[in-house]
Every structure is written in C-alpha cells, then in structure tokens.
Amino acid sequence: QLPLCARCTGMYLGAVLGLLYQAMISRKRAGAPAKSVIVSVGLLVLFFAVDGLNSFLTLIPKAPYLYQPQNWWRLLSGTGMGLAIAIALFPGFNQTMWMDYDPKSGMDSWSKFGGLFALALLLDVLVLTENPVLLYPLALVSAAGVLLVLTMVYSMVWVMIIGAENRYQRVAQILTPLVAGFG
C-alpha cells in the first residue's frame, strides 16, 4: 500500500520527522549530539544492520537467522535509521550552509532525543494501523523524504564544490544550492 518498502518507509518518515523536530527545537544549531544521544543513535544503527542482515540470511537456504523477518520489525529498524540520518544530517547541513550557525548541539540531552524517539514510535504505530486515511499522507511524506534527504546532501556537495560554504544568512539565499542539489 506504500510506495516504498517497510524499511525505507520507516527510514524516510524517521528522517523527515527528525529534521522537522530539530528545525523546530534548534533552528541553526550545528554541534555534535550529546554522548548519550550518540550511543542511542549507534544502537539504532546497529539494530538496522542486524535486522537487515537477518532479513538477508532468510533468503539463503539453511542459513542461520535470529528471527523470522516481519514488516513491523523492518519499519521500526528503518525508523531508527531515519532518526540517525536526521541527527547527522541536520548539524552538517547547518555547518555547511549558514554563515551564522550556532555551534551548540541541537540534541544536547537525552530528553530531547527521547521526545523525538517517542514521536517516531507514535508515527510507526500510525503506519501499522494500516488506516488508508493515514497511510496516504504518510506515503506522500515518505516519498518526499527521499527527495528531501538527497536534496540536502547534494546541496551540501554543490556548495563545497563551488567553495561557497558558510555564505548564507537567509533561506532565500540557499534556494539556488537547493535547486542544484535537487537536480
């Protein structure tokens, strides 16, 4: 019912949620997350890797695997990876683009991360309800999340290639790099 697989749906919904959450609570902050957040995010990335490897092993006849893969596990592991992507991408984007970025961390406490994690779990529950009224907009958001994440990454690359890091003060000024990144 969704345009992406369960893992990718979770990953891009998690990334969009993480980017929006950080934009609301920390605007142009670009510092590294707190150590407790880094450990938590590391565990989410490990969960993503283990779940992906386990899913792969089930395709190989007689290969040992930990558990039978299910879409709700894939959704959860993807969402965790999406949060990790957002927590890495947001400060990197701010450091690359903004002249006046704030060197403080946007994820400076486990409580901020805990709030984001709780919202991510709620988002996963909404997906798992399989309610078409919810799935349709979530499908659009997850598909747009692919474009959002790639546009941000490629915009940073373009800005670095042309040597224009830290030159922007307003959103209107980064439209050209964003268009180049989208292209």
N, C-alpha and C. Protein backbone atom coordinates (compact mmCIF):
# COMPACT_ATOMS: atom_id res chain seq x y z
N GLN A 1 0.81 -1.21 0.00
CA GLN A 1 0.00 0.00 0.00
C GLN A 1 0.84 1.26 0.00
N LEU A 2 2.15 1.11 0.23
CA LEU A 2 3.02 2.28 0.29
C LEU A 2 4.01 2.24 -0.87
N PRO A 3 4.51 3.42 -1.29
CA PRO A 3 5.41 3.45 -2.44
C PRO A 3 6.81 2.90 -2.15
N LEU A 4 7.17 2.79 -0.89
CA LEU A 4 8.48 2.28 -0.50
C LEU A 4 8.30 1.03 0.34
N CYS A 5 9.34 0.22 0.45
CA CYS A 5 9.27 -0.95 1.32
C CYS A 5 9.13 -0.49 2.77
N ALA A 6 8.85 -1.43 3.65
CA ALA A 6 8.63 -1.08 5.06
C ALA A 6 9.86 -0.41 5.66
N ARG A 7 11.04 -0.96 5.40
CA ARG A 7 12.27 -0.39 5.98
C ARG A 7 12.51 1.01 5.46
N CYS A 8 12.36 1.22 4.17
CA CYS A 8 12.58 2.55 3.59
C CYS A 8 11.48 3.53 4.01
N THR A 9 10.26 3.05 4.12
CA THR A 9 9.19 3.91 4.62
C THR A 9 9.56 4.44 5.99
N GLY A 10 9.97 3.54 6.88
CA GLY A 10 10.37 3.96 8.22
C GLY A 10 11.56 4.90 8.17
N MET A 11 12.54 4.58 7.32
CA MET A 11 13.76 5.38 7.26
C MET A 11 13.45 6.82 6.84
N TYR A 12 12.65 6.98 5.80
CA TYR A 12 12.40 8.34 5.32
C TYR A 12 11.37 9.07 6.16
N LEU A 13 10.39 8.37 6.73
CA LEU A 13 9.50 9.03 7.67
C LEU A 13 10.28 9.47 8.91
N GLY A 14 11.18 8.61 9.39
CA GLY A 14 12.02 8.97 10.53
C GLY A 14 12.93 10.14 10.24
N ALA A 15 13.49 10.17 9.04
CA ALA A 15 14.37 11.27 8.66
C ALA A 15 13.60 12.59 8.58
N VAL A 16 12.44 12.57 7.96
CA VAL A 16 11.63 13.79 7.87
C VAL A 16 11.23 14.26 9.27
N LEU A 17 10.76 13.32 10.08
CA LEU A 17 10.39 13.68 11.45
C LEU A 17 11.58 14.26 12.20
N GLY A 18 12.74 13.61 12.11
CA GLY A 18 13.93 14.09 12.81
C GLY A 18 14.38 15.46 12.34
N LEU A 19 14.32 15.70 11.05
CA LEU A 19 14.71 17.01 10.52
C LEU A 19 13.74 18.11 10.96
N LEU A 20 12.44 17.81 10.89
CA LEU A 20 11.45 18.80 11.33
C LEU A 20 11.56 19.08 12.83
N TYR A 21 11.74 18.03 13.60
CA TYR A 21 11.87 18.18 15.05
C TYR A 21 13.07 19.07 15.40
N GLN A 22 14.20 18.80 14.77
CA GLN A 22 15.39 19.61 15.05
C GLN A 22 15.22 21.04 14.55
N ALA A 23 14.56 21.21 13.42
CA ALA A 23 14.33 22.56 12.90
C ALA A 23 13.46 23.36 13.87
N MET A 24 12.53 22.69 14.52
CA MET A 24 11.65 23.39 15.46
C MET A 24 12.34 23.69 16.79
N ILE A 25 13.18 22.77 17.28
CA ILE A 25 13.77 22.98 18.60
C ILE A 25 15.14 23.63 18.57
N SER A 26 15.80 23.61 17.42
CA SER A 26 17.19 24.08 17.45
C SER A 26 17.62 24.91 16.24
N ARG A 27 16.72 25.32 15.43
CA ARG A 27 16.99 26.19 14.27
C ARG A 27 18.32 25.93 13.58
N LYS A 28 19.31 26.77 13.79
CA LYS A 28 20.58 26.68 13.07
C LYS A 28 21.70 26.07 13.92
N ARG A 29 21.35 25.23 14.87
CA ARG A 29 22.38 24.61 15.70
C ARG A 29 23.13 23.55 14.89
N ALA A 30 24.43 23.48 15.15
CA ALA A 30 25.26 22.61 14.32
C ALA A 30 26.28 21.80 15.12
N GLY A 31 26.14 21.75 16.43
CA GLY A 31 27.08 21.00 17.24
C GLY A 31 26.76 19.51 17.26
N ALA A 32 27.74 18.75 17.70
CA ALA A 32 27.57 17.29 17.81
C ALA A 32 26.56 16.97 18.92
N PRO A 33 25.81 15.90 18.75
CA PRO A 33 24.86 15.49 19.79
C PRO A 33 25.57 15.10 21.08
N ALA A 34 24.82 15.08 22.16
CA ALA A 34 25.36 14.62 23.44
C ALA A 34 25.80 13.16 23.31
N LYS A 35 26.76 12.76 24.14
CA LYS A 35 27.27 11.39 24.07
C LYS A 35 26.18 10.35 24.28
N SER A 36 25.23 10.63 25.17
CA SER A 36 24.13 9.68 25.40
C SER A 36 23.28 9.53 24.14
N VAL A 37 23.13 10.61 23.40
CA VAL A 37 22.37 10.56 22.14
C VAL A 37 23.16 9.77 21.10
N ILE A 38 24.46 9.99 21.04
CA ILE A 38 25.30 9.26 20.07
C ILE A 38 25.24 7.76 20.35
N VAL A 39 25.29 7.38 21.61
CA VAL A 39 25.19 5.96 21.96
C VAL A 39 23.82 5.41 21.54
N SER A 40 22.76 6.15 21.83
CA SER A 40 21.42 5.71 21.47
C SER A 40 21.26 5.57 19.96
N VAL A 41 21.77 6.54 19.23
CA VAL A 41 21.71 6.50 17.77
C VAL A 41 22.55 5.34 17.24
N GLY A 42 23.69 5.11 17.85
CA GLY A 42 24.53 3.97 17.46
C GLY A 42 23.79 2.65 17.63
N LEU A 43 23.03 2.53 18.70
CA LEU A 43 22.23 1.32 18.91
C LEU A 43 21.15 1.18 17.85
N LEU A 44 20.55 2.29 17.43
CA LEU A 44 19.54 2.24 16.36
C LEU A 44 20.16 1.81 15.03
N VAL A 45 21.35 2.30 14.75
CA VAL A 45 22.05 1.91 13.52
C VAL A 45 22.41 0.42 13.59
N LEU A 46 22.85 -0.03 14.75
CA LEU A 46 23.16 -1.45 14.93
C LEU A 46 21.91 -2.31 14.73
N PHE A 47 20.78 -1.88 15.27
CA PHE A 47 19.51 -2.58 15.08
C PHE A 47 19.16 -2.67 13.60
N PHE A 48 19.36 -1.57 12.87
CA PHE A 48 19.11 -1.54 11.42
C PHE A 48 19.98 -2.57 10.71
N ALA A 49 21.27 -2.61 11.07
CA ALA A 49 22.21 -3.54 10.43
C ALA A 49 21.85 -4.99 10.75
N VAL A 50 21.56 -5.27 12.01
CA VAL A 50 21.23 -6.64 12.41
C VAL A 50 19.94 -7.09 11.73
N ASP A 51 18.93 -6.21 11.73
CA ASP A 51 17.66 -6.57 11.09
C ASP A 51 17.83 -6.80 9.60
N GLY A 52 18.63 -5.96 8.95
CA GLY A 52 18.88 -6.13 7.51
C GLY A 52 19.64 -7.41 7.21
N LEU A 53 20.66 -7.70 8.01
CA LEU A 53 21.42 -8.93 7.82
C LEU A 53 20.55 -10.15 8.09
N ASN A 54 19.74 -10.08 9.13
CA ASN A 54 18.84 -11.19 9.43
C ASN A 54 17.86 -11.43 8.28
N SER A 55 17.31 -10.35 7.73
CA SER A 55 16.40 -10.49 6.58
C SER A 55 17.10 -11.12 5.40
N PHE A 56 18.34 -10.71 5.15
CA PHE A 56 19.10 -11.27 4.04
C PHE A 56 19.38 -12.76 4.25
N LEU A 57 19.73 -13.12 5.47
CA LEU A 57 20.06 -14.53 5.74
C LEU A 57 18.88 -15.46 5.52
N THR A 58 17.66 -14.96 5.69
CA THR A 58 16.49 -15.81 5.46
C THR A 58 16.33 -16.17 3.99
N LEU A 59 16.99 -15.45 3.11
CA LEU A 59 16.92 -15.75 1.68
C LEU A 59 17.84 -16.90 1.28
N ILE A 60 18.79 -17.21 2.13
CA ILE A 60 19.77 -18.26 1.84
C ILE A 60 19.30 -19.56 2.47
N PRO A 61 19.09 -20.59 1.65
CA PRO A 61 18.62 -21.86 2.22
C PRO A 61 19.57 -22.39 3.30
N LYS A 62 19.01 -22.81 4.39
CA LYS A 62 19.71 -23.42 5.54
C LYS A 62 20.67 -22.47 6.27
N ALA A 63 20.60 -21.19 5.95
CA ALA A 63 21.44 -20.23 6.67
C ALA A 63 20.80 -19.93 8.03
N PRO A 64 21.60 -19.78 9.06
CA PRO A 64 21.02 -19.47 10.38
C PRO A 64 20.56 -18.01 10.43
N TYR A 65 19.46 -17.78 11.08
CA TYR A 65 18.99 -16.41 11.27
C TYR A 65 18.37 -16.31 12.66
N LEU A 66 18.25 -15.09 13.15
CA LEU A 66 17.81 -14.85 14.52
C LEU A 66 16.29 -14.97 14.70
N TYR A 67 15.55 -14.45 13.75
CA TYR A 67 14.09 -14.42 13.86
C TYR A 67 13.49 -14.29 12.47
N GLN A 68 12.24 -14.64 12.35
CA GLN A 68 11.53 -14.52 11.08
C GLN A 68 11.27 -13.04 10.80
N PRO A 69 11.77 -12.51 9.69
CA PRO A 69 11.55 -11.09 9.38
C PRO A 69 10.05 -10.77 9.24
N GLN A 70 9.70 -9.63 9.74
CA GLN A 70 8.33 -9.14 9.62
C GLN A 70 8.38 -7.65 9.32
N ASN A 71 7.37 -7.17 8.62
CA ASN A 71 7.37 -5.77 8.21
C ASN A 71 7.39 -4.80 9.38
N TRP A 72 6.78 -5.16 10.51
CA TRP A 72 6.79 -4.22 11.62
C TRP A 72 8.20 -4.08 12.19
N TRP A 73 9.04 -5.16 12.16
CA TRP A 73 10.43 -5.04 12.57
C TRP A 73 11.19 -4.16 11.58
N ARG A 74 10.91 -4.37 10.31
CA ARG A 74 11.57 -3.58 9.26
C ARG A 74 11.22 -2.10 9.40
N LEU A 75 9.95 -1.82 9.67
CA LEU A 75 9.51 -0.44 9.86
C LEU A 75 10.25 0.20 11.04
N LEU A 76 10.31 -0.52 12.16
CA LEU A 76 10.99 0.01 13.35
C LEU A 76 12.48 0.24 13.11
N SER A 77 13.14 -0.73 12.49
CA SER A 77 14.57 -0.56 12.25
C SER A 77 14.82 0.57 11.25
N GLY A 78 13.97 0.69 10.26
CA GLY A 78 14.10 1.79 9.29
C GLY A 78 13.89 3.14 9.94
N THR A 79 12.90 3.22 10.83
CA THR A 79 12.65 4.49 11.51
C THR A 79 13.84 4.90 12.36
N GLY A 80 14.43 3.93 13.05
CA GLY A 80 15.62 4.23 13.84
C GLY A 80 16.75 4.76 12.98
N MET A 81 16.95 4.15 11.82
CA MET A 81 17.99 4.62 10.91
C MET A 81 17.65 6.01 10.38
N GLY A 82 16.38 6.27 10.13
CA GLY A 82 15.97 7.61 9.69
C GLY A 82 16.28 8.67 10.73
N LEU A 83 16.07 8.34 12.00
CA LEU A 83 16.42 9.28 13.06
C LEU A 83 17.93 9.53 13.07
N ALA A 84 18.70 8.45 12.88
CA ALA A 84 20.16 8.60 12.83
C ALA A 84 20.59 9.49 11.67
N ILE A 85 19.98 9.30 10.52
CA ILE A 85 20.29 10.14 9.36
C ILE A 85 20.00 11.60 9.67
N ALA A 86 18.84 11.86 10.25
CA ALA A 86 18.45 13.24 10.56
C ALA A 86 19.38 13.87 11.58
N ILE A 87 19.77 13.10 12.58
CA ILE A 87 20.62 13.64 13.65
C ILE A 87 22.03 13.93 13.12
N ALA A 88 22.46 13.21 12.11
CA ALA A 88 23.75 13.50 11.48
C ALA A 88 23.63 14.60 10.42
N LEU A 89 22.56 14.57 9.65
CA LEU A 89 22.41 15.49 8.51
C LEU A 89 22.12 16.92 8.95
N PHE A 90 21.27 17.10 9.93
CA PHE A 90 20.84 18.45 10.32
C PHE A 90 22.03 19.34 10.72
N PRO A 91 22.88 18.91 11.66
CA PRO A 91 24.00 19.79 12.01
C PRO A 91 25.00 19.95 10.87
N GLY A 92 25.20 18.90 10.08
CA GLY A 92 26.11 19.00 8.93
C GLY A 92 25.62 20.02 7.92
N PHE A 93 24.33 20.00 7.66
CA PHE A 93 23.74 20.96 6.73
C PHE A 93 23.91 22.38 7.27
N ASN A 94 23.63 22.57 8.55
CA ASN A 94 23.77 23.90 9.15
C ASN A 94 25.21 24.39 9.11
N GLN A 95 26.16 23.52 9.39
CA GLN A 95 27.57 23.89 9.37
C GLN A 95 28.03 24.27 7.96
N THR A 96 27.46 23.61 6.98
CA THR A 96 27.87 23.86 5.60
C THR A 96 27.24 25.12 5.02
N MET A 97 25.98 25.34 5.32
CA MET A 97 25.25 26.41 4.66
C MET A 97 25.34 27.77 5.35
N TRP A 98 25.09 27.80 6.63
CA TRP A 98 24.83 29.07 7.31
C TRP A 98 26.11 29.78 7.76
N MET A 99 26.14 31.08 7.52
CA MET A 99 27.23 31.91 7.99
C MET A 99 27.14 32.06 9.52
N ASP A 100 25.95 32.16 10.01
CA ASP A 100 25.72 32.45 11.43
C ASP A 100 25.16 31.24 12.19
N TYR A 101 25.66 30.04 11.87
CA TYR A 101 25.16 28.85 12.56
C TYR A 101 25.57 28.89 14.03
N ASP A 102 24.77 28.25 14.84
CA ASP A 102 25.01 28.17 16.28
C ASP A 102 25.83 26.91 16.56
N PRO A 103 27.02 27.03 17.16
CA PRO A 103 27.86 25.84 17.38
C PRO A 103 27.35 24.91 18.48
N LYS A 104 26.28 25.30 19.16
CA LYS A 104 25.72 24.42 20.19
C LYS A 104 25.01 23.24 19.53
N SER A 105 24.85 22.19 20.30
CA SER A 105 24.16 20.99 19.81
C SER A 105 22.65 21.17 19.87
N GLY A 106 21.98 20.71 18.84
CA GLY A 106 20.52 20.69 18.86
C GLY A 106 19.99 19.51 19.66
N MET A 107 20.78 18.45 19.75
CA MET A 107 20.44 17.25 20.52
C MET A 107 21.39 17.16 21.70
N ASP A 108 21.31 18.15 22.57
CA ASP A 108 22.25 18.26 23.67
C ASP A 108 21.86 17.48 24.93
N SER A 109 20.74 16.76 24.86
CA SER A 109 20.33 15.96 26.02
C SER A 109 19.56 14.73 25.54
N TRP A 110 19.58 13.72 26.40
CA TRP A 110 18.83 12.52 26.07
C TRP A 110 17.34 12.80 26.09
N SER A 111 16.89 13.76 26.88
CA SER A 111 15.45 14.05 26.93
C SER A 111 14.94 14.59 25.59
N LYS A 112 15.74 15.40 24.91
CA LYS A 112 15.34 15.87 23.57
C LYS A 112 15.26 14.70 22.60
N PHE A 113 16.25 13.83 22.66
CA PHE A 113 16.21 12.64 21.81
C PHE A 113 15.04 11.74 22.20
N GLY A 114 14.79 11.61 23.49
CA GLY A 114 13.67 10.79 23.96
C GLY A 114 12.34 11.29 23.42
N GLY A 115 12.16 12.60 23.36
CA GLY A 115 10.95 13.16 22.77
C GLY A 115 10.81 12.81 21.31
N LEU A 116 11.93 12.92 20.59
CA LEU A 116 11.93 12.55 19.17
C LEU A 116 11.65 11.08 18.99
N PHE A 117 12.26 10.25 19.82
CA PHE A 117 12.07 8.81 19.74
C PHE A 117 10.61 8.44 20.02
N ALA A 118 9.99 9.08 20.98
CA ALA A 118 8.58 8.83 21.29
C ALA A 118 7.68 9.21 20.11
N LEU A 119 7.98 10.34 19.48
CA LEU A 119 7.21 10.74 18.30
C LEU A 119 7.39 9.73 17.16
N ALA A 120 8.61 9.21 17.02
CA ALA A 120 8.88 8.22 15.98
C ALA A 120 8.09 6.94 16.22
N LEU A 121 8.03 6.51 17.47
CA LEU A 121 7.24 5.32 17.79
C LEU A 121 5.76 5.56 17.50
N LEU A 122 5.27 6.74 17.83
CA LEU A 122 3.88 7.08 17.52
C LEU A 122 3.65 7.05 16.01
N LEU A 123 4.58 7.58 15.26
CA LEU A 123 4.48 7.56 13.80
C LEU A 123 4.42 6.13 13.28
N ASP A 124 5.25 5.24 13.84
CA ASP A 124 5.22 3.84 13.43
C ASP A 124 3.89 3.18 13.77
N VAL A 125 3.34 3.51 14.91
CA VAL A 125 2.02 2.96 15.28
C VAL A 125 0.97 3.42 14.27
N LEU A 126 1.05 4.67 13.85
CA LEU A 126 0.10 5.18 12.85
C LEU A 126 0.22 4.41 11.54
N VAL A 127 1.45 4.12 11.12
CA VAL A 127 1.65 3.34 9.89
C VAL A 127 1.09 1.94 10.07
N LEU A 128 1.34 1.34 11.22
CA LEU A 128 0.93 -0.04 11.46
C LEU A 128 -0.58 -0.21 11.59
N THR A 129 -1.30 0.89 11.80
CA THR A 129 -2.78 0.78 11.82
C THR A 129 -3.32 0.42 10.44
N GLU A 130 -2.53 0.71 9.41
CA GLU A 130 -2.92 0.47 8.02
C GLU A 130 -4.21 1.18 7.62
N ASN A 131 -4.51 2.25 8.32
CA ASN A 131 -5.68 3.07 8.01
C ASN A 131 -5.37 3.87 6.75
N PRO A 132 -6.17 3.70 5.69
CA PRO A 132 -5.89 4.39 4.43
C PRO A 132 -5.89 5.92 4.56
N VAL A 133 -6.68 6.43 5.48
CA VAL A 133 -6.73 7.89 5.68
C VAL A 133 -5.37 8.39 6.20
N LEU A 134 -4.67 7.56 6.96
CA LEU A 134 -3.35 7.91 7.47
C LEU A 134 -2.25 7.50 6.50
N LEU A 135 -2.41 6.34 5.87
CA LEU A 135 -1.35 5.83 5.01
C LEU A 135 -1.11 6.70 3.78
N TYR A 136 -2.16 7.26 3.21
CA TYR A 136 -1.98 8.07 2.00
C TYR A 136 -1.07 9.27 2.26
N PRO A 137 -1.34 10.10 3.28
CA PRO A 137 -0.42 11.22 3.51
C PRO A 137 0.97 10.75 3.97
N LEU A 138 1.02 9.66 4.75
CA LEU A 138 2.33 9.16 5.18
C LEU A 138 3.13 8.61 4.00
N ALA A 139 2.45 8.04 3.02
CA ALA A 139 3.12 7.57 1.80
C ALA A 139 3.72 8.76 1.05
N LEU A 140 2.97 9.84 0.97
CA LEU A 140 3.49 11.04 0.29
C LEU A 140 4.67 11.64 1.04
N VAL A 141 4.58 11.67 2.38
CA VAL A 141 5.67 12.20 3.18
C VAL A 141 6.92 11.33 3.05
N SER A 142 6.75 10.02 3.06
CA SER A 142 7.93 9.14 2.94
C SER A 142 8.58 9.30 1.57
N ALA A 143 7.79 9.39 0.52
CA ALA A 143 8.35 9.60 -0.82
C ALA A 143 9.04 10.96 -0.92
N ALA A 144 8.42 11.98 -0.34
CA ALA A 144 9.04 13.31 -0.32
C ALA A 144 10.31 13.30 0.53
N GLY A 145 10.35 12.44 1.53
CA GLY A 145 11.54 12.33 2.38
C GLY A 145 12.76 11.91 1.60
N VAL A 146 12.58 11.05 0.61
CA VAL A 146 13.70 10.65 -0.25
C VAL A 146 14.27 11.90 -0.92
N LEU A 147 13.39 12.69 -1.50
CA LEU A 147 13.82 13.92 -2.19
C LEU A 147 14.44 14.91 -1.22
N LEU A 148 13.87 15.05 -0.04
CA LEU A 148 14.38 16.00 0.96
C LEU A 148 15.80 15.64 1.39
N VAL A 149 16.00 14.39 1.77
CA VAL A 149 17.32 13.96 2.25
C VAL A 149 18.36 14.09 1.14
N LEU A 150 18.04 13.59 -0.04
CA LEU A 150 19.00 13.67 -1.15
C LEU A 150 19.28 15.11 -1.56
N THR A 151 18.25 15.95 -1.57
CA THR A 151 18.45 17.36 -1.91
C THR A 151 19.37 18.03 -0.91
N MET A 152 19.18 17.75 0.37
CA MET A 152 20.05 18.36 1.39
C MET A 152 21.50 17.91 1.21
N VAL A 153 21.69 16.61 1.01
CA VAL A 153 23.05 16.08 0.86
C VAL A 153 23.72 16.64 -0.40
N TYR A 154 23.02 16.59 -1.52
CA TYR A 154 23.63 17.07 -2.77
C TYR A 154 23.81 18.59 -2.77
N SER A 155 22.96 19.32 -2.07
CA SER A 155 23.14 20.77 -1.94
C SER A 155 24.43 21.07 -1.19
N MET A 156 24.68 20.30 -0.14
CA MET A 156 25.93 20.47 0.61
C MET A 156 27.13 20.18 -0.29
N VAL A 157 27.02 19.13 -1.10
CA VAL A 157 28.12 18.79 -2.02
C VAL A 157 28.35 19.92 -3.01
N TRP A 158 27.29 20.45 -3.60
CA TRP A 158 27.43 21.55 -4.56
C TRP A 158 28.08 22.76 -3.91
N VAL A 159 27.63 23.10 -2.71
CA VAL A 159 28.19 24.26 -2.02
C VAL A 159 29.68 24.05 -1.74
N MET A 160 30.07 22.84 -1.38
CA MET A 160 31.50 22.56 -1.15
C MET A 160 32.30 22.59 -2.45
N ILE A 161 31.71 22.06 -3.54
CA ILE A 161 32.41 22.06 -4.82
C ILE A 161 32.70 23.48 -5.29
N ILE A 162 31.73 24.37 -5.14
CA ILE A 162 31.93 25.75 -5.60
C ILE A 162 32.60 26.63 -4.55
N GLY A 163 32.91 26.07 -3.39
CA GLY A 163 33.62 26.82 -2.35
C GLY A 163 32.78 27.91 -1.71
N ALA A 164 31.49 27.66 -1.56
CA ALA A 164 30.59 28.67 -1.01
C ALA A 164 30.06 28.31 0.38
N GLU A 165 30.84 27.55 1.14
CA GLU A 165 30.40 27.18 2.47
C GLU A 165 30.26 28.41 3.36
N ASN A 166 29.28 28.36 4.23
CA ASN A 166 29.06 29.39 5.25
C ASN A 166 28.87 30.79 4.68
N ARG A 167 28.19 30.89 3.57
CA ARG A 167 27.96 32.21 2.95
C ARG A 167 26.51 32.67 3.05
N TYR A 168 25.65 31.87 3.60
CA TYR A 168 24.22 32.16 3.53
C TYR A 168 23.68 32.57 4.89
N GLN A 169 22.79 33.58 4.87
CA GLN A 169 22.19 34.07 6.10
C GLN A 169 20.68 33.86 6.15
N ARG A 170 20.05 33.78 4.98
CA ARG A 170 18.60 33.64 4.92
C ARG A 170 18.23 32.45 4.02
N VAL A 171 17.06 31.90 4.25
CA VAL A 171 16.59 30.76 3.47
C VAL A 171 16.54 31.10 1.99
N ALA A 172 16.12 32.30 1.65
CA ALA A 172 16.03 32.69 0.24
C ALA A 172 17.37 32.58 -0.47
N GLN A 173 18.45 32.76 0.27
CA GLN A 173 19.78 32.70 -0.34
C GLN A 173 20.22 31.28 -0.68
N ILE A 174 19.65 30.28 -0.03
CA ILE A 174 20.09 28.91 -0.32
C ILE A 174 19.20 28.21 -1.35
N LEU A 175 18.28 28.96 -1.95
CA LEU A 175 17.41 28.35 -2.95
C LEU A 175 18.20 27.82 -4.15
N THR A 176 19.19 28.56 -4.60
CA THR A 176 19.99 28.10 -5.75
C THR A 176 20.74 26.81 -5.42
N PRO A 177 21.46 26.73 -4.29
CA PRO A 177 22.08 25.44 -3.95
C PRO A 177 21.06 24.30 -3.78
N LEU A 178 19.89 24.62 -3.22
CA LEU A 178 18.88 23.59 -3.05
C LEU A 178 18.36 23.08 -4.41
N VAL A 179 18.17 23.99 -5.34
CA VAL A 179 17.73 23.59 -6.69
C VAL A 179 18.82 22.75 -7.37
N ALA A 180 20.08 23.17 -7.19
CA ALA A 180 21.19 22.40 -7.77
C ALA A 180 21.26 21.01 -7.13
N GLY A 181 21.08 20.94 -5.83
CA GLY A 181 21.09 19.67 -5.14
C GLY A 181 19.93 18.78 -5.55
N PHE A 182 18.79 19.39 -5.73
CA PHE A 182 17.61 18.63 -6.18
C PHE A 182 17.85 18.09 -7.59
N GLY A 183 18.44 18.91 -8.45
CA GLY A 183 18.73 18.48 -9.83
C GLY A 183 19.74 17.38 -9.87
